[in-house]
Amino acid sequence: DVCSSDLELAALALRDGADASRGRPSLAQAIAAMGGTCTVHAGALSTWIELRVTGPRWQDALRALREALDAPQQSRHQLDRVREARVAGKRVA
């Protein structure tokens, strides 16, 4: 059984994963470049990613989401970085 923290970690990796060698920014960076926001939410039973952009940019946001989903899986090192950033963020909060 996958706990919500594992699901949240996967969503954070999707949001923050970039591929510099291919010139692909992270989903969060791509959405921010459109003037929007990309937020990960984790509840007791579900985890979701919220993309907010202005009306005219919704297709661009959808394209950025598709590119993030189509990207190769994160390496173990990249997932560890996301996990460490999450833990550090919780310590500060």
C-alpha atoms as a PDB file:
ATOM      1  CA  ASP A   1       0.000   0.000   0.000  1.00  0.00           C
ATOM      2  CA  VAL A   2       1.364   3.428  -0.967  1.00  0.00           C
ATOM      3  CA  CYS A   3       1.116   6.057   1.744  1.00  0.00           C
ATOM      4  CA  SER A   4       0.267   9.669   0.933  1.00  0.00           C
ATOM      5  CA  SER A   5       3.865  10.785   1.530  1.00  0.00           C
ATOM      6  CA  ASP A   6       5.020   8.472  -1.286  1.00  0.00           C
ATOM      7  CA  LEU A   7       2.318   9.863  -3.550  1.00  0.00           C
ATOM      8  CA  GLU A   8       3.269  13.384  -2.568  1.00  0.00           C
ATOM      9  CA  LEU A   9       6.927  12.629  -3.286  1.00  0.00           C
ATOM     10  CA  ALA A  10       5.995  11.347  -6.749  1.00  0.00           C
ATOM     11  CA  ALA A  11       3.936  14.488  -7.434  1.00  0.00           C
ATOM     12  CA  LEU A  12       6.771  16.725  -6.209  1.00  0.00           C
ATOM     13  CA  ALA A  13       9.222  14.869  -8.465  1.00  0.00           C
ATOM     14  CA  LEU A  14       6.853  15.407 -11.403  1.00  0.00           C
ATOM     15  CA  ARG A  15       6.516  19.107 -10.547  1.00  0.00           C
ATOM     16  CA  ASP A  16      10.209  19.781  -9.919  1.00  0.00           C
ATOM     17  CA  GLY A  17      11.914  17.408 -12.360  1.00  0.00           C
ATOM     18  CA  ALA A  18      13.751  19.101 -15.228  1.00  0.00           C
ATOM     19  CA  ASP A  19      15.964  17.774 -18.005  1.00  0.00           C
ATOM     20  CA  ALA A  20      18.743  20.288 -18.607  1.00  0.00           C
ATOM     21  CA  SER A  21      20.366  18.078 -21.262  1.00  0.00           C
ATOM     22  CA  ARG A  22      17.201  18.353 -23.366  1.00  0.00           C
ATOM     23  CA  GLY A  23      16.424  21.928 -22.411  1.00  0.00           C
ATOM     24  CA  ARG A  24      13.194  20.955 -20.654  1.00  0.00           C
ATOM     25  CA  PRO A  25      12.398  23.076 -17.612  1.00  0.00           C
ATOM     26  CA  SER A  26      10.561  21.628 -14.660  1.00  0.00           C
ATOM     27  CA  LEU A  27       6.785  21.765 -14.753  1.00  0.00           C
ATOM     28  CA  ALA A  28       6.883  24.417 -12.007  1.00  0.00           C
ATOM     29  CA  GLN A  29       9.337  26.527 -14.038  1.00  0.00           C
ATOM     30  CA  ALA A  30       7.287  26.176 -17.228  1.00  0.00           C
ATOM     31  CA  ILE A  31       4.078  27.229 -15.473  1.00  0.00           C
ATOM     32  CA  ALA A  32       5.833  30.128 -13.706  1.00  0.00           C
ATOM     33  CA  ALA A  33       7.137  31.336 -17.078  1.00  0.00           C
ATOM     34  CA  MET A  34       3.470  31.571 -18.151  1.00  0.00           C
ATOM     35  CA  GLY A  35       2.729  33.724 -15.113  1.00  0.00           C
ATOM     36  CA  GLY A  36       1.036  30.868 -13.286  1.00  0.00           C
ATOM     37  CA  THR A  37       1.544  28.614 -10.308  1.00  0.00           C
ATOM     38  CA  CYS A  38       2.031  24.880  -9.862  1.00  0.00           C
ATOM     39  CA  THR A  39       1.184  23.479  -6.429  1.00  0.00           C
ATOM     40  CA  VAL A  40       1.202  19.959  -5.016  1.00  0.00           C
ATOM     41  CA  HIS A  41      -1.516  19.108  -2.482  1.00  0.00           C
ATOM     42  CA  ALA A  42      -1.571  15.992  -0.336  1.00  0.00           C
ATOM     43  CA  GLY A  43      -4.565  14.855   1.632  1.00  0.00           C
ATOM     44  CA  ALA A  44      -5.300  11.781   3.672  1.00  0.00           C
ATOM     45  CA  LEU A  45      -6.680   9.883   0.666  1.00  0.00           C
ATOM     46  CA  SER A  46      -5.368  11.678  -2.401  1.00  0.00           C
ATOM     47  CA  THR A  47      -2.599  13.784  -3.866  1.00  0.00           C
ATOM     48  CA  TRP A  48      -3.060  16.222  -6.724  1.00  0.00           C
ATOM     49  CA  ILE A  49      -1.244  18.869  -8.715  1.00  0.00           C
ATOM     50  CA  GLU A  50      -2.938  22.226  -9.205  1.00  0.00           C
ATOM     51  CA  LEU A  51      -1.966  24.316 -12.237  1.00  0.00           C
ATOM     52  CA  ARG A  52      -3.203  27.907 -12.338  1.00  0.00           C
ATOM     53  CA  VAL A  53      -2.672  30.072 -15.405  1.00  0.00           C
ATOM     54  CA  THR A  54      -4.658  32.786 -17.126  1.00  0.00           C
ATOM     55  CA  GLY A  55      -7.394  31.603 -19.479  1.00  0.00           C
ATOM     56  CA  PRO A  56      -5.453  32.121 -22.707  1.00  0.00           C
ATOM     57  CA  ARG A  57      -2.533  29.999 -21.405  1.00  0.00           C
ATOM     58  CA  TRP A  58      -4.471  26.852 -20.453  1.00  0.00           C
ATOM     59  CA  GLN A  59      -3.398  24.944 -23.573  1.00  0.00           C
ATOM     60  CA  ASP A  60       0.250  25.842 -22.947  1.00  0.00           C
ATOM     61  CA  ALA A  61      -0.113  24.638 -19.354  1.00  0.00           C
ATOM     62  CA  LEU A  62      -1.667  21.388 -20.524  1.00  0.00           C
ATOM     63  CA  ARG A  63       1.197  20.928 -22.999  1.00  0.00           C
ATOM     64  CA  ALA A  64       3.757  21.508 -20.206  1.00  0.00           C
ATOM     65  CA  LEU A  65       1.974  18.928 -18.035  1.00  0.00           C
ATOM     66  CA  ARG A  66       2.021  16.410 -20.879  1.00  0.00           C
ATOM     67  CA  GLU A  67       5.754  17.013 -21.439  1.00  0.00           C
ATOM     68  CA  ALA A  68       6.431  16.455 -17.730  1.00  0.00           C
ATOM     69  CA  LEU A  69       4.397  13.236 -17.768  1.00  0.00           C
ATOM     70  CA  ASP A  70       6.131  12.020 -20.944  1.00  0.00           C
ATOM     71  CA  ALA A  71       9.616  12.722 -19.562  1.00  0.00           C
ATOM     72  CA  PRO A  72      11.759   9.776 -18.483  1.00  0.00           C
ATOM     73  CA  GLN A  73      11.473   8.747 -14.848  1.00  0.00           C
ATOM     74  CA  GLN A  74      13.622  10.537 -12.320  1.00  0.00           C
ATOM     75  CA  SER A  75      16.891   8.939 -11.241  1.00  0.00           C
ATOM     76  CA  ARG A  76      17.281   7.783  -7.649  1.00  0.00           C
ATOM     77  CA  HIS A  77      19.584  10.766  -6.991  1.00  0.00           C
ATOM     78  CA  GLN A  78      16.928  13.217  -8.220  1.00  0.00           C
ATOM     79  CA  LEU A  79      14.243  11.587  -6.062  1.00  0.00           C
ATOM     80  CA  ASP A  80      16.550  11.758  -3.035  1.00  0.00           C
ATOM     81  CA  ARG A  81      17.041  15.499  -3.671  1.00  0.00           C
ATOM     82  CA  VAL A  82      13.260  16.035  -3.808  1.00  0.00           C
ATOM     83  CA  ARG A  83      12.829  14.040  -0.582  1.00  0.00           C
ATOM     84  CA  GLU A  84      15.617  15.987   1.180  1.00  0.00           C
ATOM     85  CA  ALA A  85      14.126  19.326   0.077  1.00  0.00           C
ATOM     86  CA  ARG A  86      10.721  18.206   1.367  1.00  0.00           C
ATOM     87  CA  VAL A  87      12.151  17.180   4.745  1.00  0.00           C
ATOM     88  CA  ALA A  88      14.147  20.437   5.029  1.00  0.00           C
ATOM     89  CA  GLY A  89      10.995  22.417   4.189  1.00  0.00           C
ATOM     90  CA  LYS A  90       9.018  20.661   6.914  1.00  0.00           C
ATOM     91  CA  ARG A  91      11.753  21.417   9.455  1.00  0.00           C
ATOM     92  CA  VAL A  92      11.570  25.132   8.601  1.00  0.00           C
ATOM     93  CA  ALA A  93       7.752  25.275   8.666  1.00  0.00           C
END
